[in-house]
PDB file of N, CA and C in Angstrom:
ATOM      1  N   UNK A   1      73.679 172.710 202.756  1.00  0.00           N
ATOM      2  CA  UNK A   1      73.602 173.023 201.147  1.00  0.00           C
ATOM      3  C   UNK A   1      73.042 171.401 201.345  1.00  0.00           C
ATOM      4  N   UNK A   2      72.147 170.714 199.788  1.00  0.00           N
ATOM      5  CA  UNK A   2      72.039 169.375 199.546  1.00  0.00           C
ATOM      6  C   UNK A   2      72.849 169.794 198.416  1.00  0.00           C
ATOM      7  N   UNK A   3      73.531 168.322 198.092  1.00  0.00           N
ATOM      8  CA  UNK A   3      74.414 168.251 197.342  1.00  0.00           C
ATOM      9  C   UNK A   3      74.590 166.476 197.127  1.00  0.00           C
ATOM     10  N   UNK A   4      74.267 166.343 195.949  1.00  0.00           N
ATOM     11  CA  UNK A   4      74.449 164.332 195.369  1.00  0.00           C
ATOM     12  C   UNK A   4      75.282 164.576 194.311  1.00  0.00           C
ATOM     13  N   UNK A   5      75.769 163.324 194.455  1.00  0.00           N
ATOM     14  CA  UNK A   5      76.684 162.829 193.603  1.00  0.00           C
ATOM     15  C   UNK A   5      76.085 162.800 191.962  1.00  0.00           C
ATOM     16  N   UNK A   6      76.950 163.459 191.533  1.00  0.00           N
ATOM     17  CA  UNK A   6      76.125 164.061 189.644  1.00  0.00           C
ATOM     18  C   UNK A   6      76.307 165.140 189.728  1.00  0.00           C
ATOM     19  N   UNK A   7      75.873 166.194 190.594  1.00  0.00           N
ATOM     20  CA  UNK A   7      76.198 167.552 190.578  1.00  0.00           C
ATOM     21  C   UNK A   7      77.063 168.346 189.938  1.00  0.00           C
ATOM     22  N   UNK A   8      76.971 169.215 189.357  1.00  0.00           N
ATOM     23  CA  UNK A   8      77.912 169.873 189.082  1.00  0.00           C
ATOM     24  C   UNK A   8      77.971 171.321 190.074  1.00  0.00           C
ATOM     25  N   UNK A   9      78.356 171.894 190.417  1.00  0.00           N
ATOM     26  CA  UNK A   9      78.486 173.102 191.040  1.00  0.00           C
ATOM     27  C   UNK A   9      79.466 174.470 190.608  1.00  0.00           C
ATOM     28  N   UNK A  10      79.686 174.985 190.703  1.00  0.00           N
ATOM     29  CA  UNK A  10      80.322 176.159 191.100  1.00  0.00           C
ATOM     30  C   UNK A  10      81.415 176.290 192.218  1.00  0.00           C
ATOM     31  N   UNK A  11      82.671 176.066 191.846  1.00  0.00           N
ATOM     32  CA  UNK A  11      83.328 176.124 193.491  1.00  0.00           C
ATOM     33  C   UNK A  11      84.528 177.001 193.164  1.00  0.00           C
ATOM     34  N   UNK A  12      85.129 177.450 194.097  1.00  0.00           N
ATOM     35  CA  UNK A  12      86.302 177.890 194.636  1.00  0.00           C
ATOM     36  C   UNK A  12      87.880 176.764 194.004  1.00  0.00           C
ATOM     37  N   UNK A  13      88.152 176.509 193.095  1.00  0.00           N
ATOM     38  CA  UNK A  13      88.468 175.347 192.926  1.00  0.00           C
ATOM     39  C   UNK A  13      89.808 175.557 193.266  1.00  0.00           C
ATOM     40  N   UNK A  14      90.799 175.335 194.216  1.00  0.00           N
ATOM     41  CA  UNK A  14      92.272 175.772 194.604  1.00  0.00           C
ATOM     42  C   UNK A  14      93.156 175.164 193.524  1.00  0.00           C
ATOM     43  N   UNK A  15      94.261 175.409 193.300  1.00  0.00           N
ATOM     44  CA  UNK A  15      95.463 175.242 192.236  1.00  0.00           C
ATOM     45  C   UNK A  15      96.324 174.651 193.312  1.00  0.00           C
ATOM     46  N   UNK A  16      96.895 173.512 192.317  1.00  0.00           N
ATOM     47  CA  UNK A  16      97.691 172.611 193.182  1.00  0.00           C
ATOM     48  C   UNK A  16      98.932 173.057 194.156  1.00  0.00           C
ATOM     49  N   UNK A  17      99.237 174.319 194.262  1.00  0.00           N
ATOM     50  CA  UNK A  17     100.237 175.502 194.877  1.00  0.00           C
ATOM     51  C   UNK A  17      99.894 175.419 196.079  1.00  0.00           C
ATOM     52  N   UNK A  18      98.103 175.291 196.222  1.00  0.00           N
ATOM     53  CA  UNK A  18      97.446 175.650 197.362  1.00  0.00           C
ATOM     54  C   UNK A  18      97.031 177.244 197.782  1.00  0.00           C
ATOM     55  N   UNK A  19      97.425 178.460 196.398  1.00  0.00           N
ATOM     56  CA  UNK A  19      97.010 179.397 195.794  1.00  0.00           C
ATOM     57  C   UNK A  19      95.165 179.487 196.443  1.00  0.00           C
ATOM     58  N   UNK A  20      94.603 180.699 196.174  1.00  0.00           N
ATOM     59  CA  UNK A  20      93.153 180.565 196.172  1.00  0.00           C
ATOM     60  C   UNK A  20      92.889 179.795 194.975  1.00  0.00           C
ATOM     61  N   UNK A  21      93.238 180.019 193.735  1.00  0.00           N
ATOM     62  CA  UNK A  21      92.667 179.337 192.568  1.00  0.00           C
ATOM     63  C   UNK A  21      91.718 180.119 191.740  1.00  0.00           C
ATOM     64  N   UNK A  22      90.593 179.134 191.215  1.00  0.00           N
ATOM     65  CA  UNK A  22      89.655 180.609 190.329  1.00  0.00           C
ATOM     66  C   UNK A  22      88.494 179.024 190.376  1.00  0.00           C
ATOM     67  N   UNK A  23      87.208 180.224 190.207  1.00  0.00           N
ATOM     68  CA  UNK A  23      85.858 179.539 190.558  1.00  0.00           C
ATOM     69  C   UNK A  23      86.126 178.608 189.099  1.00  0.00           C
ATOM     70  N   UNK A  24      85.372 177.528 189.337  1.00  0.00           N
ATOM     71  CA  UNK A  24      85.396 176.649 188.334  1.00  0.00           C
ATOM     72  C   UNK A  24      84.259 175.405 188.446  1.00  0.00           C
ATOM     73  N   UNK A  25      83.309 174.783 187.384  1.00  0.00           N
ATOM     74  CA  UNK A  25      82.572 174.018 187.572  1.00  0.00           C
ATOM     75  C   UNK A  25      83.032 172.520 188.113  1.00  0.00           C
ATOM     76  N   UNK A  26      82.747 172.042 189.019  1.00  0.00           N
ATOM     77  CA  UNK A  26      83.239 170.697 189.666  1.00  0.00           C
ATOM     78  C   UNK A  26      82.096 169.468 189.964  1.00  0.00           C
ATOM     79  N   UNK A  27      82.459 168.608 189.596  1.00  0.00           N
ATOM     80  CA  UNK A  27      81.053 167.076 189.645  1.00  0.00           C
ATOM     81  C   UNK A  27      81.587 166.452 191.247  1.00  0.00           C
ATOM     82  N   UNK A  28      80.272 166.593 191.687  1.00  0.00           N
ATOM     83  CA  UNK A  28      80.636 165.813 193.235  1.00  0.00           C
ATOM     84  C   UNK A  28      80.510 164.351 192.764  1.00  0.00           C
ATOM     85  N   UNK A  29      81.690 163.746 192.612  1.00  0.00           N
ATOM     86  CA  UNK A  29      81.506 162.053 192.953  1.00  0.00           C
ATOM     87  C   UNK A  29      81.524 161.301 194.254  1.00  0.00           C
ATOM     88  N   UNK A  30      81.698 161.730 195.090  1.00  0.00           N
ATOM     89  CA  UNK A  30      81.143 160.853 196.196  1.00  0.00           C
ATOM     90  C   UNK A  30      79.789 160.404 196.248  1.00  0.00           C
ATOM     91  N   UNK A  31      80.105 159.251 196.649  1.00  0.00           N
ATOM     92  CA  UNK A  31      78.239 158.933 196.922  1.00  0.00           C
ATOM     93  C   UNK A  31      77.686 159.736 198.036  1.00  0.00           C
ATOM     94  N   UNK A  32      76.156 159.396 197.807  1.00  0.00           N
ATOM     95  CA  UNK A  32      75.454 160.048 198.268  1.00  0.00           C
ATOM     96  C   UNK A  32      74.814 159.725 199.618  1.00  0.00           C
ATOM     97  N   UNK A  33      75.488 158.224 200.342  1.00  0.00           N
ATOM     98  CA  UNK A  33      75.626 158.154 201.632  1.00  0.00           C
ATOM     99  C   UNK A  33      76.746 159.040 202.450  1.00  0.00           C
ATOM    100  N   UNK A  34      77.900 159.365 201.877  1.00  0.00           N
ATOM    101  CA  UNK A  34      79.131 160.171 202.560  1.00  0.00           C
ATOM    102  C   UNK A  34      78.215 162.115 202.044  1.00  0.00           C
ATOM    103  N   UNK A  35      77.476 162.004 201.159  1.00  0.00           N
ATOM    104  CA  UNK A  35      77.373 163.305 201.097  1.00  0.00           C
ATOM    105  C   UNK A  35      75.900 163.706 202.072  1.00  0.00           C
ATOM    106  N   UNK A  36      75.412 163.156 202.276  1.00  0.00           N
ATOM    107  CA  UNK A  36      74.449 163.272 203.824  1.00  0.00           C
ATOM    108  C   UNK A  36      74.775 163.405 204.850  1.00  0.00           C
ATOM    109  N   UNK A  37      76.018 162.248 205.366  1.00  0.00           N
ATOM    110  CA  UNK A  37      76.510 162.603 206.157  1.00  0.00           C
ATOM    111  C   UNK A  37      77.718 163.437 206.466  1.00  0.00           C
ATOM    112  N   UNK A  38      79.119 164.183 205.898  1.00  0.00           N
ATOM    113  CA  UNK A  38      79.897 164.701 205.692  1.00  0.00           C
ATOM    114  C   UNK A  38      79.337 166.305 205.193  1.00  0.00           C
ATOM    115  N   UNK A  39      80.327 167.184 206.047  1.00  0.00           N
ATOM    116  CA  UNK A  39      80.265 168.246 205.303  1.00  0.00           C
ATOM    117  C   UNK A  39      81.240 168.833 204.411  1.00  0.00           C
ATOM    118  N   UNK A  40      81.707 168.360 203.747  1.00  0.00           N
ATOM    119  CA  UNK A  40      82.852 168.046 202.909  1.00  0.00           C
ATOM    120  C   UNK A  40      82.301 167.197 201.584  1.00  0.00           C
ATOM    121  N   UNK A  41      82.697 167.280 200.479  1.00  0.00           N
ATOM    122  CA  UNK A  41      82.605 166.110 199.434  1.00  0.00           C
ATOM    123  C   UNK A  41      83.834 166.364 198.297  1.00  0.00           C
ATOM    124  N   UNK A  42      83.770 165.116 197.955  1.00  0.00           N
ATOM    125  CA  UNK A  42      85.108 164.554 196.585  1.00  0.00           C
ATOM    126  C   UNK A  42      84.232 165.185 195.659  1.00  0.00           C
ATOM    127  N   UNK A  43      85.360 166.110 195.170  1.00  0.00           N
ATOM    128  CA  UNK A  43      84.692 166.633 193.867  1.00  0.00           C
ATOM    129  C   UNK A  43      85.712 166.081 192.439  1.00  0.00           C
ATOM    130  N   UNK A  44      85.397 166.672 191.362  1.00  0.00           N
ATOM    131  CA  UNK A  44      86.260 166.484 190.391  1.00  0.00           C
ATOM    132  C   UNK A  44      86.136 167.625 189.376  1.00  0.00           C
ATOM    133  N   UNK A  45      87.356 168.279 188.491  1.00  0.00           N
ATOM    134  CA  UNK A  45      86.928 169.171 187.942  1.00  0.00           C
ATOM    135  C   UNK A  45      86.367 169.466 186.953  1.00  0.00           C
ATOM    136  N   UNK A  46      85.864 170.333 186.135  1.00  0.00           N
ATOM    137  CA  UNK A  46      85.534 170.532 184.682  1.00  0.00           C
ATOM    138  C   UNK A  46      86.578 171.037 184.212  1.00  0.00           C
ATOM    139  N   UNK A  47      87.315 171.411 183.032  1.00  0.00           N
ATOM    140  CA  UNK A  47      87.957 172.361 182.494  1.00  0.00           C
ATOM    141  C   UNK A  47      87.518 172.491 181.430  1.00  0.00           C
ATOM    142  N   UNK A  48      88.279 173.725 180.286  1.00  0.00           N
ATOM    143  CA  UNK A  48      87.928 173.696 178.747  1.00  0.00           C
ATOM    144  C   UNK A  48      89.154 174.196 177.973  1.00  0.00           C
ATOM    145  N   UNK A  49      90.272 173.381 178.978  1.00  0.00           N
ATOM    146  CA  UNK A  49      91.733 173.028 178.040  1.00  0.00           C
ATOM    147  C   UNK A  49      90.958 171.541 177.605  1.00  0.00           C
ATOM    148  N   UNK A  50      91.021 171.556 176.630  1.00  0.00           N
ATOM    149  CA  UNK A  50      90.372 170.066 176.103  1.00  0.00           C
ATOM    150  C   UNK A  50      92.151 169.205 175.143  1.00  0.00           C
ATOM    151  N   UNK A  51      92.876 169.563 176.095  1.00  0.00           N
ATOM    152  CA  UNK A  51      93.914 168.791 175.146  1.00  0.00           C
ATOM    153  C   UNK A  51      94.431 167.038 175.753  1.00  0.00           C
ATOM    154  N   UNK A  52      93.616 167.005 176.819  1.00  0.00           N
ATOM    155  CA  UNK A  52      93.431 165.567 177.015  1.00  0.00           C
ATOM    156  C   UNK A  52      92.637 164.800 176.904  1.00  0.00           C
ATOM    157  N   UNK A  53      91.317 165.030 175.889  1.00  0.00           N
ATOM    158  CA  UNK A  53      90.482 164.737 175.681  1.00  0.00           C
ATOM    159  C   UNK A  53      90.113 163.426 175.104  1.00  0.00           C
ATOM    160  N   UNK A  54      91.759 162.919 174.837  1.00  0.00           N
ATOM    161  CA  UNK A  54      91.516 161.065 174.520  1.00  0.00           C
ATOM    162  C   UNK A  54      92.530 160.166 175.511  1.00  0.00           C
ATOM    163  N   UNK A  55      92.297 161.223 176.576  1.00  0.00           N
ATOM    164  CA  UNK A  55      92.799 160.430 178.088  1.00  0.00           C
ATOM    165  C   UNK A  55      91.822 159.973 178.747  1.00  0.00           C
ATOM    166  N   UNK A  56      91.791 158.288 179.054  1.00  0.00           N
ATOM    167  CA  UNK A  56      90.758 157.777 179.578  1.00  0.00           C
ATOM    168  C   UNK A  56      90.579 158.163 180.769  1.00  0.00           C
ATOM    169  N   UNK A  57      91.245 158.901 181.477  1.00  0.00           N
ATOM    170  CA  UNK A  57      90.578 159.793 182.539  1.00  0.00           C
ATOM    171  C   UNK A  57      90.096 160.323 182.503  1.00  0.00           C
ATOM    172  N   UNK A  58      89.788 160.821 181.487  1.00  0.00           N
ATOM    173  CA  UNK A  58      89.093 162.022 180.789  1.00  0.00           C
ATOM    174  C   UNK A  58      87.644 161.983 180.276  1.00  0.00           C
ATOM    175  N   UNK A  59      86.467 162.410 180.277  1.00  0.00           N
ATOM    176  CA  UNK A  59      85.429 162.794 179.502  1.00  0.00           C
ATOM    177  C   UNK A  59      84.569 163.974 178.858  1.00  0.00           C
ATOM    178  N   UNK A  60      84.449 163.780 177.942  1.00  0.00           N
ATOM    179  CA  UNK A  60      84.321 165.422 176.749  1.00  0.00           C
ATOM    180  C   UNK A  60      82.602 165.389 177.348  1.00  0.00           C
ATOM    181  N   UNK A  61      82.544 166.883 177.875  1.00  0.00           N
ATOM    182  CA  UNK A  61      81.221 166.990 178.072  1.00  0.00           C
ATOM    183  C   UNK A  61      81.026 168.691 176.816  1.00  0.00           C
ATOM    184  N   UNK A  62      79.988 168.344 175.989  1.00  0.00           N
ATOM    185  CA  UNK A  62      80.010 168.857 174.538  1.00  0.00           C
ATOM    186  C   UNK A  62      78.718 169.658 175.359  1.00  0.00           C
ATOM    187  N   UNK A  63      78.903 171.589 175.122  1.00  0.00           N
ATOM    188  CA  UNK A  63      77.771 172.439 176.269  1.00  0.00           C
ATOM    189  C   UNK A  63      76.777 172.171 175.256  1.00  0.00           C
ATOM    190  N   UNK A  64      76.767 172.098 173.628  1.00  0.00           N
ATOM    191  CA  UNK A  64      75.635 172.208 172.808  1.00  0.00           C
ATOM    192  C   UNK A  64      74.902 170.644 172.885  1.00  0.00           C
ATOM    193  N   UNK A  65      75.204 169.829 173.704  1.00  0.00           N
ATOM    194  CA  UNK A  65      74.180 168.817 173.546  1.00  0.00           C
ATOM    195  C   UNK A  65      73.041 168.513 175.092  1.00  0.00           C
ATOM    196  N   UNK A  66      72.086 167.722 174.804  1.00  0.00           N
ATOM    197  CA  UNK A  66      71.389 167.737 176.157  1.00  0.00           C
ATOM    198  C   UNK A  66      72.014 167.498 177.493  1.00  0.00           C
ATOM    199  N   UNK A  67      73.134 166.545 177.088  1.00  0.00           N
ATOM    200  CA  UNK A  67      74.202 166.482 178.338  1.00  0.00           C
ATOM    201  C   UNK A  67      75.006 168.060 179.277  1.00  0.00           C
ATOM    202  N   UNK A  68      75.285 168.431 177.788  1.00  0.00           N
ATOM    203  CA  UNK A  68      76.085 169.900 178.365  1.00  0.00           C
ATOM    204  C   UNK A  68      75.198 170.547 178.615  1.00  0.00           C
ATOM    205  N   UNK A  69      73.614 171.001 178.589  1.00  0.00           N
ATOM    206  CA  UNK A  69      72.843 171.832 179.143  1.00  0.00           C
ATOM    207  C   UNK A  69      72.054 171.286 180.053  1.00  0.00           C
ATOM    208  N   UNK A  70      72.018 169.843 180.200  1.00  0.00           N
ATOM    209  CA  UNK A  70      71.359 169.263 181.813  1.00  0.00           C
ATOM    210  C   UNK A  70      72.898 170.107 182.704  1.00  0.00           C
ATOM    211  N   UNK A  71      73.812 169.786 182.981  1.00  0.00           N
ATOM    212  CA  UNK A  71      74.982 169.936 183.266  1.00  0.00           C
ATOM    213  C   UNK A  71      75.457 171.837 183.496  1.00  0.00           C
ATOM    214  N   UNK A  72      74.476 172.086 183.087  1.00  0.00           N
ATOM    215  CA  UNK A  72      74.984 173.680 183.033  1.00  0.00           C
ATOM    216  C   UNK A  72      75.868 174.695 182.635  1.00  0.00           C
ATOM    217  N   UNK A  73      76.766 173.648 181.338  1.00  0.00           N
ATOM    218  CA  UNK A  73      78.211 174.760 181.638  1.00  0.00           C
ATOM    219  C   UNK A  73      78.090 175.213 180.141  1.00  0.00           C
ATOM    220  N   UNK A  74      78.763 176.207 179.783  1.00  0.00           N
ATOM    221  CA  UNK A  74      78.606 177.266 178.806  1.00  0.00           C
ATOM    222  C   UNK A  74      79.258 177.012 177.921  1.00  0.00           C
ATOM    223  N   UNK A  75      80.585 176.048 177.994  1.00  0.00           N
ATOM    224  CA  UNK A  75      81.319 175.732 176.641  1.00  0.00           C
ATOM    225  C   UNK A  75      81.934 174.350 177.016  1.00  0.00           C
ATOM    226  N   UNK A  76      82.330 173.751 175.965  1.00  0.00           N
ATOM    227  CA  UNK A  76      82.639 172.380 175.526  1.00  0.00           C
ATOM    228  C   UNK A  76      83.179 172.223 176.527  1.00  0.00           C
ATOM    229  N   UNK A  77      83.544 171.223 177.973  1.00  0.00           N
ATOM    230  CA  UNK A  77      84.097 171.223 179.102  1.00  0.00           C
ATOM    231  C   UNK A  77      84.807 169.505 179.240  1.00  0.00           C
ATOM    232  N   UNK A  78      86.060 169.121 179.827  1.00  0.00           N
ATOM    233  CA  UNK A  78      86.571 168.187 180.061  1.00  0.00           C
ATOM    234  C   UNK A  78      86.519 167.992 181.526  1.00  0.00           C
ATOM    235  N   UNK A  79      85.187 166.560 181.876  1.00  0.00           N
ATOM    236  CA  UNK A  79      85.712 166.324 183.407  1.00  0.00           C
ATOM    237  C   UNK A  79      86.842 165.545 183.492  1.00  0.00           C
ATOM    238  N   UNK A  80      88.045 165.872 184.555  1.00  0.00           N
ATOM    239  CA  UNK A  80      89.581 165.475 184.468  1.00  0.00           C
ATOM    240  C   UNK A  80      89.304 164.304 185.904  1.00  0.00           C
ATOM    241  N   UNK A  81      89.536 163.281 185.777  1.00  0.00           N
ATOM    242  CA  UNK A  81      89.049 162.426 186.604  1.00  0.00           C
ATOM    243  C   UNK A  81      90.606 162.648 187.924  1.00  0.00           C
ATOM    244  N   UNK A  82      91.516 163.239 187.106  1.00  0.00           N
ATOM    245  CA  UNK A  82      93.112 163.253 187.900  1.00  0.00           C
ATOM    246  C   UNK A  82      92.747 164.149 188.414  1.00  0.00           C
ATOM    247  N   UNK A  83      92.023 165.126 188.020  1.00  0.00           N
ATOM    248  CA  UNK A  83      91.905 166.168 188.495  1.00  0.00           C
ATOM    249  C   UNK A  83      90.778 166.177 190.116  1.00  0.00           C
ATOM    250  N   UNK A  84      91.021 165.878 191.346  1.00  0.00           N
ATOM    251  CA  UNK A  84      90.288 164.945 192.170  1.00  0.00           C
ATOM    252  C   UNK A  84      90.231 166.415 193.608  1.00  0.00           C
ATOM    253  N   UNK A  85      89.163 166.495 193.790  1.00  0.00           N
ATOM    254  CA  UNK A  85      89.808 167.426 195.528  1.00  0.00           C
ATOM    255  C   UNK A  85      88.150 167.164 196.276  1.00  0.00           C
ATOM    256  N   UNK A  86      89.160 167.115 197.821  1.00  0.00           N
ATOM    257  CA  UNK A  86      87.503 167.168 199.189  1.00  0.00           C
ATOM    258  C   UNK A  86      87.722 168.426 199.442  1.00  0.00           C
ATOM    259  N   UNK A  87      86.364 169.374 198.710  1.00  0.00           N
ATOM    260  CA  UNK A  87      86.071 170.252 199.333  1.00  0.00           C
ATOM    261  C   UNK A  87      84.913 170.764 200.384  1.00  0.00           C
ATOM    262  N   UNK A  88      84.976 171.466 201.417  1.00  0.00           N
ATOM    263  CA  UNK A  88      84.270 171.652 202.344  1.00  0.00           C
ATOM    264  C   UNK A  88      82.570 172.355 201.815  1.00  0.00           C
ATOM    265  N   UNK A  89      82.138 172.044 202.235  1.00  0.00           N
ATOM    266  CA  UNK A  89      80.741 172.989 201.775  1.00  0.00           C
ATOM    267  C   UNK A  89      80.789 174.401 201.204  1.00  0.00           C
ATOM    268  N   UNK A  90      81.074 174.744 202.148  1.00  0.00           N
ATOM    269  CA  UNK A  90      81.347 176.461 202.161  1.00  0.00           C
ATOM    270  C   UNK A  90      82.230 176.790 200.944  1.00  0.00           C
ATOM    271  N   UNK A  91      82.864 175.941 200.108  1.00  0.00           N
ATOM    272  CA  UNK A  91      83.119 176.461 199.058  1.00  0.00           C
ATOM    273  C   UNK A  91      82.229 175.679 197.739  1.00  0.00           C
ATOM    274  N   UNK A  92      81.731 175.000 198.309  1.00  0.00           N
ATOM    275  CA  UNK A  92      81.255 174.796 196.655  1.00  0.00           C
ATOM    276  C   UNK A  92      79.345 176.023 196.860  1.00  0.00           C
ATOM    277  N   UNK A  93      79.779 176.568 195.862  1.00  0.00           N
ATOM    278  CA  UNK A  93      78.059 177.809 195.936  1.00  0.00           C
ATOM    279  C   UNK A  93      77.215 177.264 195.525  1.00  0.00           C
ATOM    280  N   UNK A  94      77.268 177.023 194.279  1.00  0.00           N
ATOM    281  CA  UNK A  94      75.820 176.832 193.620  1.00  0.00           C
ATOM    282  C   UNK A  94      75.547 175.490 192.945  1.00  0.00           C
ATOM    283  N   UNK A  95      74.701 174.524 193.123  1.00  0.00           N
ATOM    284  CA  UNK A  95      74.193 173.810 191.521  1.00  0.00           C
ATOM    285  C   UNK A  95      73.915 174.540 190.912  1.00  0.00           C
ATOM    286  N   UNK A  96      74.748 173.702 189.510  1.00  0.00           N
ATOM    287  CA  UNK A  96      74.150 174.683 188.191  1.00  0.00           C
ATOM    288  C   UNK A  96      73.651 173.609 187.000  1.00  0.00           C
ATOM    289  N   UNK A  97      73.921 172.239 187.836  1.00  0.00           N
ATOM    290  CA  UNK A  97      73.264 171.352 186.506  1.00  0.00           C
ATOM    291  C   UNK A  97      73.628 169.896 187.516  1.00  0.00           C
ATOM    292  N   UNK A  98      72.813 168.824 186.888  1.00  0.00           N
ATOM    293  CA  UNK A  98      73.150 167.452 186.879  1.00  0.00           C
ATOM    294  C   UNK A  98      73.453 166.856 186.129  1.00  0.00           C
ATOM    295  N   UNK A  99      74.341 166.078 186.000  1.00  0.00           N
ATOM    296  CA  UNK A  99      74.514 165.058 184.947  1.00  0.00           C
ATOM    297  C   UNK A  99      73.759 163.646 185.316  1.00  0.00           C
ATOM    298  N   UNK A 100      73.335 163.187 184.105  1.00  0.00           N
ATOM    299  CA  UNK A 100      72.844 161.862 184.014  1.00  0.00           C
ATOM    300  C   UNK A 100      73.390 160.750 184.679  1.00  0.00           C
ATOM    301  N   UNK A 101      72.787 159.559 184.707  1.00  0.00           N
ATOM    302  CA  UNK A 101      73.356 158.524 184.641  1.00  0.00           C
ATOM    303  C   UNK A 101      74.466 158.051 183.851  1.00  0.00           C
ATOM    304  N   UNK A 102      74.443 158.136 182.625  1.00  0.00           N
ATOM    305  CA  UNK A 102      75.046 157.513 181.922  1.00  0.00           C
ATOM    306  C   UNK A 102      76.036 158.019 182.053  1.00  0.00           C
ATOM    307  N   UNK A 103      76.366 159.481 182.395  1.00  0.00           N
ATOM    308  CA  UNK A 103      77.161 160.144 182.374  1.00  0.00           C
ATOM    309  C   UNK A 103      78.086 160.174 183.285  1.00  0.00           C
ATOM    310  N   UNK A 104      77.212 159.489 184.246  1.00  0.00           N
ATOM    311  CA  UNK A 104      77.976 158.929 185.699  1.00  0.00           C
ATOM    312  C   UNK A 104      78.779 157.778 185.435  1.00  0.00           C
ATOM    313  N   UNK A 105      78.466 157.051 184.780  1.00  0.00           N
ATOM    314  CA  UNK A 105      79.297 155.753 184.465  1.00  0.00           C
ATOM    315  C   UNK A 105      80.665 156.138 183.886  1.00  0.00           C
ATOM    316  N   UNK A 106      79.893 156.993 182.733  1.00  0.00           N
ATOM    317  CA  UNK A 106      81.250 157.124 182.104  1.00  0.00           C
ATOM    318  C   UNK A 106      82.646 158.233 183.319  1.00  0.00           C
ATOM    319  N   UNK A 107      81.890 158.722 184.106  1.00  0.00           N
ATOM    320  CA  UNK A 107      83.081 159.303 184.752  1.00  0.00           C
ATOM    321  C   UNK A 107      83.216 158.772 186.051  1.00  0.00           C
ATOM    322  N   UNK A 108      82.445 157.681 186.384  1.00  0.00           N
ATOM    323  CA  UNK A 108      83.567 156.177 187.227  1.00  0.00           C
ATOM    324  C   UNK A 108      84.182 155.560 186.686  1.00  0.00           C
ATOM    325  N   UNK A 109      84.527 155.234 185.332  1.00  0.00           N
ATOM    326  CA  UNK A 109      85.324 154.654 184.358  1.00  0.00           C
ATOM    327  C   UNK A 109      86.347 155.431 183.960  1.00  0.00           C
ATOM    328  N   UNK A 110      86.190 156.490 184.635  1.00  0.00           N
ATOM    329  CA  UNK A 110      87.527 157.628 184.171  1.00  0.00           C
ATOM    330  C   UNK A 110      87.522 157.949 185.336  1.00  0.00           C
ATOM    331  N   UNK A 111      87.362 157.644 186.770  1.00  0.00           N
ATOM    332  CA  UNK A 111      87.809 157.367 188.113  1.00  0.00           C
ATOM    333  C   UNK A 111      89.016 156.614 188.502  1.00  0.00           C
ATOM    334  N   UNK A 112      88.141 155.162 188.254  1.00  0.00           N
ATOM    335  CA  UNK A 112      89.071 154.121 187.655  1.00  0.00           C
ATOM    336  C   UNK A 112      90.169 154.177 187.110  1.00  0.00           C
ATOM    337  N   UNK A 113      90.565 154.878 186.013  1.00  0.00           N
ATOM    338  CA  UNK A 113      91.364 155.204 185.196  1.00  0.00           C
ATOM    339  C   UNK A 113      92.651 155.942 185.978  1.00  0.00           C
ATOM    340  N   UNK A 114      91.924 156.868 186.384  1.00  0.00           N
ATOM    341  CA  UNK A 114      92.761 157.943 186.831  1.00  0.00           C
ATOM    342  C   UNK A 114      93.678 157.444 188.450  1.00  0.00           C
ATOM    343  N   UNK A 115      92.758 156.232 189.331  1.00  0.00           N
ATOM    344  CA  UNK A 115      93.444 155.892 190.219  1.00  0.00           C
ATOM    345  C   UNK A 115      93.761 154.251 190.063  1.00  0.00           C
ATOM    346  N   UNK A 116      94.211 154.143 188.740  1.00  0.00           N
ATOM    347  CA  UNK A 116      94.305 152.473 188.725  1.00  0.00           C
ATOM    348  C   UNK A 116      93.273 151.141 189.904  1.00  0.00           C
ATOM    349  N   UNK A 117      92.171 151.610 189.953  1.00  0.00           N
ATOM    350  CA  UNK A 117      91.119 150.873 190.675  1.00  0.00           C
ATOM    351  C   UNK A 117      90.199 149.790 189.298  1.00  0.00           C
ATOM    352  N   UNK A 118      90.596 148.178 189.138  1.00  0.00           N
ATOM    353  CA  UNK A 118      89.717 147.786 188.822  1.00  0.00           C
ATOM    354  C   UNK A 118      89.876 147.971 187.599  1.00  0.00           C
TER     355      UNK A 118
END
């Protein structure tokens, strides 16, 4: 499977407890250099739980906007920079969309806030 940074992909995202979890969209946040070399990717979860939308580690993507439509989401969703995971390609199912360069700059800021970088 060819994946790129910014792809929105349906994946079986595991629960923190290690159980199977549920299928949800994730955003590939790993750089393309590693996406080409490795058989896994660092992803961050999208959630429809909007409680943390003011958190600097989160970014709201509204389904009805051009950005939401390009992402392929059906409901307003929150990118959660603190809900990241390393997933093997076999858990990443189908690409449903791709985020813009502007959205990816915001996501980079979210990841910096979540990880205490820069």
